């Protein structure tokens, strides 16, 4: 673990592999732990320097006030470009998952010279809120179950871990893995203030950001090799969202993980890593 100053903020990072290898930069779905260790290790074994990082208001990165963020989606995109530059070695392969996938799309559009390839996992091409009419929205039965699930005492590590496990079961993810990740996130979150813990565990800060102007219509401008990864069982951002991104980015490859939901399971790490490595 380390920190890097980029775009006038501090970003928490963790590195895998040879420092002289081509850089793969992984933008978390708030915290870096959205990207599984198994995938990072596979990419490093494939000859890449892998750096995963926390978005603002999570992990080791700059935390201000998650309830009233003083930055926009485009600031987070600029963070990615600045971090790639600060780490050196030429343009990076940028990958984003969930929220990080939205950041990665905007970063590739606004800072094209910073990136040599793009991987977008479990994300969509429009900001939080109602999707475009041609995109599938959240599964309403699943969302009803999620909203019926009471928030935990954010100052209680065990309660937060149990909340994460129960939520993962509703989403179709592995509750055991989700519990373990929630515990790791808890242990590396700066303090137990409820809004900060919630931001780290759930990324709710993102729903408060200014995400305008729209970027979906600009996706055909992306010229770097692109991989879109999506879980067939994802009911939060159903697979039609990934299919739309793959159609609209020229030459993009779509990799559907048949047994996955919102998270990349360790069992799929090899297939995802292999597909990412073919991009460069």
C-alpha atoms as a PDB file:
ATOM      1  CA  UNK A   1       0.000   0.000   0.000  1.00  0.00           C
ATOM      2  CA  UNK A   2       1.154   3.525  -0.800  1.00  0.00           C
ATOM      3  CA  UNK A   3      -0.217   6.935  -1.733  1.00  0.00           C
ATOM      4  CA  UNK A   4       0.426   9.144  -4.761  1.00  0.00           C
ATOM      5  CA  UNK A   5      -0.298  12.849  -5.190  1.00  0.00           C
ATOM      6  CA  UNK A   6      -2.234  13.362  -8.426  1.00  0.00           C
ATOM      7  CA  UNK A   7      -4.592  16.095  -9.610  1.00  0.00           C
ATOM      8  CA  UNK A   8      -4.127  17.906  -6.277  1.00  0.00           C
ATOM      9  CA  UNK A   9      -5.473  14.980  -4.233  1.00  0.00           C
ATOM     10  CA  UNK A  10      -3.932  11.966  -2.514  1.00  0.00           C
ATOM     11  CA  UNK A  11      -4.844   8.595  -4.014  1.00  0.00           C
ATOM     12  CA  UNK A  12      -4.301   5.300  -2.222  1.00  0.00           C
ATOM     13  CA  UNK A  13      -2.741   2.629  -4.433  1.00  0.00           C
ATOM     14  CA  UNK A  14      -1.578  -0.973  -4.273  1.00  0.00           C
ATOM     15  CA  UNK A  15       0.855  -2.425  -6.824  1.00  0.00           C
ATOM     16  CA  UNK A  16       1.441  -5.923  -8.195  1.00  0.00           C
ATOM     17  CA  UNK A  17       4.184  -7.025 -10.586  1.00  0.00           C
ATOM     18  CA  UNK A  18       7.320  -5.484 -12.052  1.00  0.00           C
ATOM     19  CA  UNK A  19       7.590  -1.691 -11.810  1.00  0.00           C
ATOM     20  CA  UNK A  20       9.113  -1.588 -15.313  1.00  0.00           C
ATOM     21  CA  UNK A  21       6.249  -3.490 -16.981  1.00  0.00           C
ATOM     22  CA  UNK A  22       3.372  -1.962 -18.931  1.00  0.00           C
ATOM     23  CA  UNK A  23       0.877  -0.363 -16.556  1.00  0.00           C
ATOM     24  CA  UNK A  24      -2.652  -1.608 -15.957  1.00  0.00           C
ATOM     25  CA  UNK A  25      -4.529   0.941 -13.825  1.00  0.00           C
ATOM     26  CA  UNK A  26      -7.605  -0.363 -12.007  1.00  0.00           C
ATOM     27  CA  UNK A  27     -10.218   2.181 -10.869  1.00  0.00           C
ATOM     28  CA  UNK A  28     -12.239   0.746  -8.005  1.00  0.00           C
ATOM     29  CA  UNK A  29     -15.974   0.676  -7.716  1.00  0.00           C
ATOM     30  CA  UNK A  30     -15.107   3.118  -4.944  1.00  0.00           C
ATOM     31  CA  UNK A  31     -12.400   1.176  -3.088  1.00  0.00           C
ATOM     32  CA  UNK A  32      -9.671  -0.737  -4.897  1.00  0.00           C
ATOM     33  CA  UNK A  33     -10.917  -3.990  -3.361  1.00  0.00           C
ATOM     34  CA  UNK A  34     -13.670  -4.108  -6.000  1.00  0.00           C
ATOM     35  CA  UNK A  35     -10.895  -5.664  -8.108  1.00  0.00           C
ATOM     36  CA  UNK A  36     -10.145  -9.177  -6.763  1.00  0.00           C
ATOM     37  CA  UNK A  37      -6.648 -10.141  -5.694  1.00  0.00           C
ATOM     38  CA  UNK A  38      -6.780 -13.182  -8.004  1.00  0.00           C
ATOM     39  CA  UNK A  39      -7.247 -10.994 -11.088  1.00  0.00           C
ATOM     40  CA  UNK A  40      -4.472  -8.590 -10.081  1.00  0.00           C
ATOM     41  CA  UNK A  41      -2.107 -11.514  -9.533  1.00  0.00           C
ATOM     42  CA  UNK A  42      -2.993 -13.077 -12.911  1.00  0.00           C
ATOM     43  CA  UNK A  43      -2.350  -9.810 -14.728  1.00  0.00           C
ATOM     44  CA  UNK A  44       0.980  -9.397 -12.946  1.00  0.00           C
ATOM     45  CA  UNK A  45       1.938 -12.967 -13.863  1.00  0.00           C
ATOM     46  CA  UNK A  46       1.154 -12.013 -17.463  1.00  0.00           C
ATOM     47  CA  UNK A  47       3.894  -9.386 -17.413  1.00  0.00           C
ATOM     48  CA  UNK A  48       1.991  -6.292 -16.345  1.00  0.00           C
ATOM     49  CA  UNK A  49       2.469  -3.773 -13.580  1.00  0.00           C
ATOM     50  CA  UNK A  50      -0.952  -3.653 -11.931  1.00  0.00           C
ATOM     51  CA  UNK A  51      -1.958  -0.668  -9.810  1.00  0.00           C
ATOM     52  CA  UNK A  52      -5.403  -0.596  -8.246  1.00  0.00           C
ATOM     53  CA  UNK A  53      -6.559   2.538  -6.488  1.00  0.00           C
ATOM     54  CA  UNK A  54      -9.282   4.020  -4.299  1.00  0.00           C
ATOM     55  CA  UNK A  55     -11.564   6.729  -5.635  1.00  0.00           C
ATOM     56  CA  UNK A  56     -11.837   9.907  -3.573  1.00  0.00           C
ATOM     57  CA  UNK A  57     -13.678   9.558  -0.257  1.00  0.00           C
ATOM     58  CA  UNK A  58     -12.647   5.915   0.088  1.00  0.00           C
ATOM     59  CA  UNK A  59      -9.759   3.912   1.484  1.00  0.00           C
ATOM     60  CA  UNK A  60      -6.414   5.682   1.599  1.00  0.00           C
ATOM     61  CA  UNK A  61      -7.468   8.396  -0.843  1.00  0.00           C
ATOM     62  CA  UNK A  62      -8.421  11.941   0.103  1.00  0.00           C
ATOM     63  CA  UNK A  63     -11.561  11.965   2.249  1.00  0.00           C
ATOM     64  CA  UNK A  64     -13.430  15.231   2.665  1.00  0.00           C
ATOM     65  CA  UNK A  65     -17.197  15.080   3.170  1.00  0.00           C
ATOM     66  CA  UNK A  66     -18.861  12.102   1.445  1.00  0.00           C
ATOM     67  CA  UNK A  67     -22.299  13.614   2.083  1.00  0.00           C
ATOM     68  CA  UNK A  68     -21.470  16.831   0.194  1.00  0.00           C
ATOM     69  CA  UNK A  69     -18.740  16.011  -2.359  1.00  0.00           C
ATOM     70  CA  UNK A  70     -17.013  19.068  -3.821  1.00  0.00           C
ATOM     71  CA  UNK A  71     -15.993  17.354  -7.075  1.00  0.00           C
ATOM     72  CA  UNK A  72     -17.601  15.914 -10.199  1.00  0.00           C
ATOM     73  CA  UNK A  73     -17.369  12.766 -12.285  1.00  0.00           C
ATOM     74  CA  UNK A  74     -14.951  14.613 -14.548  1.00  0.00           C
ATOM     75  CA  UNK A  75     -12.666  15.335 -11.597  1.00  0.00           C
ATOM     76  CA  UNK A  76     -12.510  11.597 -10.910  1.00  0.00           C
ATOM     77  CA  UNK A  77     -11.671  11.023 -14.580  1.00  0.00           C
ATOM     78  CA  UNK A  78      -8.903  13.624 -14.318  1.00  0.00           C
ATOM     79  CA  UNK A  79      -7.617  11.796 -11.222  1.00  0.00           C
ATOM     80  CA  UNK A  80      -7.185   8.641 -13.312  1.00  0.00           C
ATOM     81  CA  UNK A  81      -5.279  10.456 -16.038  1.00  0.00           C
ATOM     82  CA  UNK A  82      -3.068  12.274 -13.535  1.00  0.00           C
ATOM     83  CA  UNK A  83      -2.342   9.042 -11.653  1.00  0.00           C
ATOM     84  CA  UNK A  84      -1.359   7.276 -14.875  1.00  0.00           C
ATOM     85  CA  UNK A  85       1.041  10.131 -15.604  1.00  0.00           C
ATOM     86  CA  UNK A  86       2.464  10.169 -12.082  1.00  0.00           C
ATOM     87  CA  UNK A  87       3.169   6.437 -12.197  1.00  0.00           C
ATOM     88  CA  UNK A  88       5.076   6.856 -15.475  1.00  0.00           C
ATOM     89  CA  UNK A  89       5.918   4.388 -18.206  1.00  0.00           C
ATOM     90  CA  UNK A  90       3.686   5.730 -20.964  1.00  0.00           C
ATOM     91  CA  UNK A  91      -0.041   5.394 -21.574  1.00  0.00           C
ATOM     92  CA  UNK A  92      -1.821   2.933 -19.273  1.00  0.00           C
ATOM     93  CA  UNK A  93      -4.426   0.265 -19.822  1.00  0.00           C
ATOM     94  CA  UNK A  94      -7.291   1.709 -17.755  1.00  0.00           C
ATOM     95  CA  UNK A  95      -9.911  -0.588 -16.254  1.00  0.00           C
ATOM     96  CA  UNK A  96     -12.957   0.439 -14.253  1.00  0.00           C
ATOM     97  CA  UNK A  97     -15.610  -1.618 -12.495  1.00  0.00           C
ATOM     98  CA  UNK A  98     -19.070  -0.366 -11.508  1.00  0.00           C
ATOM     99  CA  UNK A  99     -18.686   3.316 -10.620  1.00  0.00           C
ATOM    100  CA  UNK A 100     -15.074   3.030 -11.759  1.00  0.00           C
ATOM    101  CA  UNK A 101     -16.329   1.934 -15.165  1.00  0.00           C
ATOM    102  CA  UNK A 102     -18.185   5.228 -15.558  1.00  0.00           C
ATOM    103  CA  UNK A 103     -15.047   7.084 -14.488  1.00  0.00           C
ATOM    104  CA  UNK A 104     -13.002   5.082 -17.001  1.00  0.00           C
ATOM    105  CA  UNK A 105     -15.332   5.880 -19.907  1.00  0.00           C
ATOM    106  CA  UNK A 106     -15.124   9.608 -19.224  1.00  0.00           C
ATOM    107  CA  UNK A 107     -11.368   9.430 -18.630  1.00  0.00           C
ATOM    108  CA  UNK A 108     -10.811   7.711 -21.990  1.00  0.00           C
ATOM    109  CA  UNK A 109     -12.903  10.393 -23.718  1.00  0.00           C
ATOM    110  CA  UNK A 110     -11.521  13.439 -21.913  1.00  0.00           C
ATOM    111  CA  UNK A 111      -7.862  12.297 -21.681  1.00  0.00           C
ATOM    112  CA  UNK A 112      -7.311   9.968 -24.652  1.00  0.00           C
ATOM    113  CA  UNK A 113      -3.528  10.380 -24.686  1.00  0.00           C
ATOM    114  CA  UNK A 114      -3.234   8.951 -21.170  1.00  0.00           C
ATOM    115  CA  UNK A 115      -4.558   5.500 -22.025  1.00  0.00           C
ATOM    116  CA  UNK A 116      -3.594   2.705 -24.415  1.00  0.00           C
ATOM    117  CA  UNK A 117      -6.500   0.309 -23.742  1.00  0.00           C
ATOM    118  CA  UNK A 118      -9.774   0.223 -21.837  1.00  0.00           C
ATOM    119  CA  UNK A 119     -11.621  -2.432 -19.832  1.00  0.00           C
ATOM    120  CA  UNK A 120     -15.135  -1.724 -18.553  1.00  0.00           C
ATOM    121  CA  UNK A 121     -16.652  -4.173 -16.083  1.00  0.00           C
ATOM    122  CA  UNK A 122     -20.180  -4.310 -14.703  1.00  0.00           C
ATOM    123  CA  UNK A 123     -21.046  -0.741 -15.637  1.00  0.00           C
ATOM    124  CA  UNK A 124     -23.258   1.339 -17.936  1.00  0.00           C
ATOM    125  CA  UNK A 125     -22.967   4.353 -20.221  1.00  0.00           C
ATOM    126  CA  UNK A 126     -25.249   6.732 -18.323  1.00  0.00           C
ATOM    127  CA  UNK A 127     -25.028   8.343 -14.902  1.00  0.00           C
ATOM    128  CA  UNK A 128     -26.855   7.178 -11.766  1.00  0.00           C
ATOM    129  CA  UNK A 129     -30.608   7.601 -11.959  1.00  0.00           C
ATOM    130  CA  UNK A 130     -33.120   6.434 -14.578  1.00  0.00           C
ATOM    131  CA  UNK A 131     -31.425   4.809 -17.591  1.00  0.00           C
ATOM    132  CA  UNK A 132     -32.099   5.645 -21.224  1.00  0.00           C
ATOM    133  CA  UNK A 133     -35.260   4.036 -22.624  1.00  0.00           C
ATOM    134  CA  UNK A 134     -33.273   1.455 -24.603  1.00  0.00           C
ATOM    135  CA  UNK A 135     -31.232   0.316 -21.587  1.00  0.00           C
ATOM    136  CA  UNK A 136     -32.440  -2.151 -18.967  1.00  0.00           C
ATOM    137  CA  UNK A 137     -32.852  -0.654 -15.503  1.00  0.00           C
ATOM    138  CA  UNK A 138     -32.346  -2.255 -12.117  1.00  0.00           C
ATOM    139  CA  UNK A 139     -34.380  -5.392 -11.488  1.00  0.00           C
ATOM    140  CA  UNK A 140     -37.221  -4.025  -9.371  1.00  0.00           C
ATOM    141  CA  UNK A 141     -37.805  -7.165  -7.305  1.00  0.00           C
ATOM    142  CA  UNK A 142     -34.119  -7.222  -6.405  1.00  0.00           C
ATOM    143  CA  UNK A 143     -34.127  -3.507  -5.589  1.00  0.00           C
ATOM    144  CA  UNK A 144     -37.160  -3.922  -3.348  1.00  0.00           C
ATOM    145  CA  UNK A 145     -35.319  -6.593  -1.384  1.00  0.00           C
ATOM    146  CA  UNK A 146     -32.220  -4.380  -1.123  1.00  0.00           C
ATOM    147  CA  UNK A 147     -34.213  -1.381   0.137  1.00  0.00           C
ATOM    148  CA  UNK A 148     -36.061  -3.572   2.625  1.00  0.00           C
ATOM    149  CA  UNK A 149     -32.686  -4.565   4.083  1.00  0.00           C
ATOM    150  CA  UNK A 150     -32.056  -2.228   7.031  1.00  0.00           C
ATOM    151  CA  UNK A 151     -28.828  -0.250   7.160  1.00  0.00           C
ATOM    152  CA  UNK A 152     -26.357  -1.517   9.764  1.00  0.00           C
ATOM    153  CA  UNK A 153     -24.757   0.300  12.656  1.00  0.00           C
ATOM    154  CA  UNK A 154     -21.838   1.659  10.651  1.00  0.00           C
ATOM    155  CA  UNK A 155     -19.680   1.807  13.790  1.00  0.00           C
ATOM    156  CA  UNK A 156     -19.992  -1.989  14.264  1.00  0.00           C
ATOM    157  CA  UNK A 157     -17.555  -4.028  12.137  1.00  0.00           C
ATOM    158  CA  UNK A 158     -19.487  -7.297  12.462  1.00  0.00           C
ATOM    159  CA  UNK A 159     -22.815  -5.645  11.630  1.00  0.00           C
ATOM    160  CA  UNK A 160     -21.319  -4.048   8.521  1.00  0.00           C
ATOM    161  CA  UNK A 161     -19.822  -7.374   7.396  1.00  0.00           C
ATOM    162  CA  UNK A 162     -23.165  -9.115   7.883  1.00  0.00           C
ATOM    163  CA  UNK A 163     -24.928  -6.344   5.948  1.00  0.00           C
ATOM    164  CA  UNK A 164     -22.507  -6.783   3.048  1.00  0.00           C
ATOM    165  CA  UNK A 165     -22.970 -10.559   3.018  1.00  0.00           C
ATOM    166  CA  UNK A 166     -26.772 -10.263   3.007  1.00  0.00           C
ATOM    167  CA  UNK A 167     -26.652  -7.666   0.238  1.00  0.00           C
ATOM    168  CA  UNK A 168     -24.386  -9.864  -1.874  1.00  0.00           C
ATOM    169  CA  UNK A 169     -26.818 -12.747  -1.571  1.00  0.00           C
ATOM    170  CA  UNK A 170     -29.632 -10.506  -2.846  1.00  0.00           C
ATOM    171  CA  UNK A 171     -27.468  -9.306  -5.749  1.00  0.00           C
ATOM    172  CA  UNK A 172     -26.440 -12.846  -6.671  1.00  0.00           C
ATOM    173  CA  UNK A 173     -22.820 -12.490  -5.562  1.00  0.00           C
ATOM    174  CA  UNK A 174     -20.879 -14.717  -3.156  1.00  0.00           C
ATOM    175  CA  UNK A 175     -21.848 -13.708   0.416  1.00  0.00           C
ATOM    176  CA  UNK A 176     -18.745 -15.303   1.938  1.00  0.00           C
ATOM    177  CA  UNK A 177     -16.444 -13.333  -0.360  1.00  0.00           C
ATOM    178  CA  UNK A 178     -18.477 -10.159   0.218  1.00  0.00           C
ATOM    179  CA  UNK A 179     -18.172 -10.528   3.990  1.00  0.00           C
ATOM    180  CA  UNK A 180     -14.403 -10.948   3.758  1.00  0.00           C
ATOM    181  CA  UNK A 181     -14.061  -7.886   1.507  1.00  0.00           C
ATOM    182  CA  UNK A 182     -16.289  -5.803   3.793  1.00  0.00           C
ATOM    183  CA  UNK A 183     -14.065  -6.697   6.727  1.00  0.00           C
ATOM    184  CA  UNK A 184     -10.967  -5.682   4.763  1.00  0.00           C
ATOM    185  CA  UNK A 185     -12.610  -2.416   3.738  1.00  0.00           C
ATOM    186  CA  UNK A 186     -13.590  -1.749   7.359  1.00  0.00           C
ATOM    187  CA  UNK A 187     -10.020  -2.316   8.534  1.00  0.00           C
ATOM    188  CA  UNK A 188      -8.582   0.174   6.042  1.00  0.00           C
ATOM    189  CA  UNK A 189     -11.270   2.858   6.333  1.00  0.00           C
ATOM    190  CA  UNK A 190     -10.063   6.030   8.116  1.00  0.00           C
ATOM    191  CA  UNK A 191     -12.251   6.003  11.218  1.00  0.00           C
ATOM    192  CA  UNK A 192     -15.731   4.771  12.038  1.00  0.00           C
ATOM    193  CA  UNK A 193     -17.747   7.914  11.220  1.00  0.00           C
ATOM    194  CA  UNK A 194     -20.931   6.486   9.639  1.00  0.00           C
ATOM    195  CA  UNK A 195     -20.904   8.550   6.388  1.00  0.00           C
ATOM    196  CA  UNK A 196     -17.285   7.581   5.735  1.00  0.00           C
ATOM    197  CA  UNK A 197     -17.926   3.900   6.414  1.00  0.00           C
ATOM    198  CA  UNK A 198     -21.001   3.983   4.174  1.00  0.00           C
ATOM    199  CA  UNK A 199     -19.034   5.689   1.395  1.00  0.00           C
ATOM    200  CA  UNK A 200     -16.346   3.010   1.579  1.00  0.00           C
ATOM    201  CA  UNK A 201     -18.723   0.068   1.712  1.00  0.00           C
ATOM    202  CA  UNK A 202     -21.447   1.263  -0.664  1.00  0.00           C
ATOM    203  CA  UNK A 203     -20.103   4.181  -2.702  1.00  0.00           C
ATOM    204  CA  UNK A 204     -23.235   6.220  -2.029  1.00  0.00           C
ATOM    205  CA  UNK A 205     -21.203   9.399  -2.503  1.00  0.00           C
ATOM    206  CA  UNK A 206     -21.295   8.827  -6.270  1.00  0.00           C
ATOM    207  CA  UNK A 207     -25.052   9.355  -6.493  1.00  0.00           C
ATOM    208  CA  UNK A 208     -24.478  12.924  -5.249  1.00  0.00           C
ATOM    209  CA  UNK A 209     -21.961  13.868  -7.954  1.00  0.00           C
ATOM    210  CA  UNK A 210     -22.502  16.129 -10.936  1.00  0.00           C
ATOM    211  CA  UNK A 211     -22.304  13.660 -13.823  1.00  0.00           C
ATOM    212  CA  UNK A 212     -23.109  16.071 -16.649  1.00  0.00           C
ATOM    213  CA  UNK A 213     -22.757  16.502 -19.556  1.00  0.00           C
ATOM    214  CA  UNK A 214     -23.740  13.087 -20.903  1.00  0.00           C
ATOM    215  CA  UNK A 215     -20.992  10.943 -22.371  1.00  0.00           C
ATOM    216  CA  UNK A 216     -22.857   8.023 -23.976  1.00  0.00           C
ATOM    217  CA  UNK A 217     -23.164   9.788 -27.326  1.00  0.00           C
ATOM    218  CA  UNK A 218     -19.374  10.221 -27.383  1.00  0.00           C
ATOM    219  CA  UNK A 219     -18.527   6.518 -27.016  1.00  0.00           C
ATOM    220  CA  UNK A 220     -17.830   6.139 -30.770  1.00  0.00           C
ATOM    221  CA  UNK A 221     -14.920   8.564 -30.252  1.00  0.00           C
ATOM    222  CA  UNK A 222     -13.006   5.954 -28.213  1.00  0.00           C
ATOM    223  CA  UNK A 223     -10.210   4.632 -30.417  1.00  0.00           C
ATOM    224  CA  UNK A 224      -8.202   2.423 -28.041  1.00  0.00           C
ATOM    225  CA  UNK A 225      -8.763  -1.352 -27.877  1.00  0.00           C
ATOM    226  CA  UNK A 226     -11.667  -1.961 -25.500  1.00  0.00           C
ATOM    227  CA  UNK A 227     -12.961  -4.947 -23.529  1.00  0.00           C
ATOM    228  CA  UNK A 228     -16.420  -4.943 -21.939  1.00  0.00           C
ATOM    229  CA  UNK A 229     -16.933  -7.497 -19.150  1.00  0.00           C
ATOM    230  CA  UNK A 230     -20.392  -8.153 -17.732  1.00  0.00           C
ATOM    231  CA  UNK A 231     -22.030 -10.787 -15.554  1.00  0.00           C
ATOM    232  CA  UNK A 232     -24.967 -12.596 -17.143  1.00  0.00           C
ATOM    233  CA  UNK A 233     -26.663 -12.702 -13.722  1.00  0.00           C
ATOM    234  CA  UNK A 234     -26.170  -9.002 -12.953  1.00  0.00           C
ATOM    235  CA  UNK A 235     -29.586  -7.610 -11.999  1.00  0.00           C
ATOM    236  CA  UNK A 236     -28.269  -4.254 -10.764  1.00  0.00           C
ATOM    237  CA  UNK A 237     -26.890  -3.249 -14.168  1.00  0.00           C
ATOM    238  CA  UNK A 238     -28.386  -5.993 -16.378  1.00  0.00           C
ATOM    239  CA  UNK A 239     -26.184  -7.325 -19.152  1.00  0.00           C
ATOM    240  CA  UNK A 240     -27.958  -5.217 -21.800  1.00  0.00           C
ATOM    241  CA  UNK A 241     -25.980  -2.256 -20.458  1.00  0.00           C
ATOM    242  CA  UNK A 242     -22.678  -3.937 -21.237  1.00  0.00           C
ATOM    243  CA  UNK A 243     -23.964  -5.051 -24.623  1.00  0.00           C
ATOM    244  CA  UNK A 244     -24.854  -1.432 -25.470  1.00  0.00           C
ATOM    245  CA  UNK A 245     -21.385  -0.176 -24.533  1.00  0.00           C
ATOM    246  CA  UNK A 246     -19.763  -2.884 -26.668  1.00  0.00           C
ATOM    247  CA  UNK A 247     -21.939  -1.937 -29.655  1.00  0.00           C
ATOM    248  CA  UNK A 248     -21.178   1.760 -29.379  1.00  0.00           C
ATOM    249  CA  UNK A 249     -17.390   1.642 -28.937  1.00  0.00           C
ATOM    250  CA  UNK A 250     -15.785   0.753 -32.295  1.00  0.00           C
ATOM    251  CA  UNK A 251     -14.231  -2.700 -32.276  1.00  0.00           C
ATOM    252  CA  UNK A 252     -15.006  -3.393 -28.620  1.00  0.00           C
ATOM    253  CA  UNK A 253     -15.044  -7.021 -27.460  1.00  0.00           C
ATOM    254  CA  UNK A 254     -17.798  -8.235 -25.115  1.00  0.00           C
ATOM    255  CA  UNK A 255     -16.956 -10.916 -22.546  1.00  0.00           C
ATOM    256  CA  UNK A 256     -20.055 -12.178 -20.712  1.00  0.00           C
ATOM    257  CA  UNK A 257     -19.378 -14.108 -17.510  1.00  0.00           C
ATOM    258  CA  UNK A 258     -22.219 -16.619 -17.456  1.00  0.00           C
ATOM    259  CA  UNK A 259     -22.083 -17.371 -13.711  1.00  0.00           C
ATOM    260  CA  UNK A 260     -21.298 -13.856 -12.453  1.00  0.00           C
ATOM    261  CA  UNK A 261     -23.516 -11.069 -11.121  1.00  0.00           C
ATOM    262  CA  UNK A 262     -22.067  -7.684 -10.072  1.00  0.00           C
ATOM    263  CA  UNK A 263     -18.663  -8.889  -8.834  1.00  0.00           C
ATOM    264  CA  UNK A 264     -15.898 -10.685 -10.735  1.00  0.00           C
ATOM    265  CA  UNK A 265     -15.608 -14.077  -8.999  1.00  0.00           C
ATOM    266  CA  UNK A 266     -12.189 -15.613  -8.478  1.00  0.00           C
ATOM    267  CA  UNK A 267     -13.238 -18.472 -10.778  1.00  0.00           C
ATOM    268  CA  UNK A 268     -13.473 -15.979 -13.658  1.00  0.00           C
ATOM    269  CA  UNK A 269     -10.167 -14.220 -12.928  1.00  0.00           C
ATOM    270  CA  UNK A 270      -8.239 -16.285 -15.470  1.00  0.00           C
ATOM    271  CA  UNK A 271     -10.645 -15.609 -18.329  1.00  0.00           C
ATOM    272  CA  UNK A 272     -10.835 -11.883 -17.571  1.00  0.00           C
ATOM    273  CA  UNK A 273      -7.063 -11.561 -17.206  1.00  0.00           C
ATOM    274  CA  UNK A 274      -6.465 -13.398 -20.490  1.00  0.00           C
ATOM    275  CA  UNK A 275      -8.886 -11.117 -22.306  1.00  0.00           C
ATOM    276  CA  UNK A 276      -7.326  -7.994 -20.785  1.00  0.00           C
ATOM    277  CA  UNK A 277      -3.802  -9.106 -21.650  1.00  0.00           C
ATOM    278  CA  UNK A 278      -4.715  -9.476 -25.321  1.00  0.00           C
ATOM    279  CA  UNK A 279      -5.545  -5.744 -25.445  1.00  0.00           C
ATOM    280  CA  UNK A 280      -2.010  -4.712 -24.553  1.00  0.00           C
END
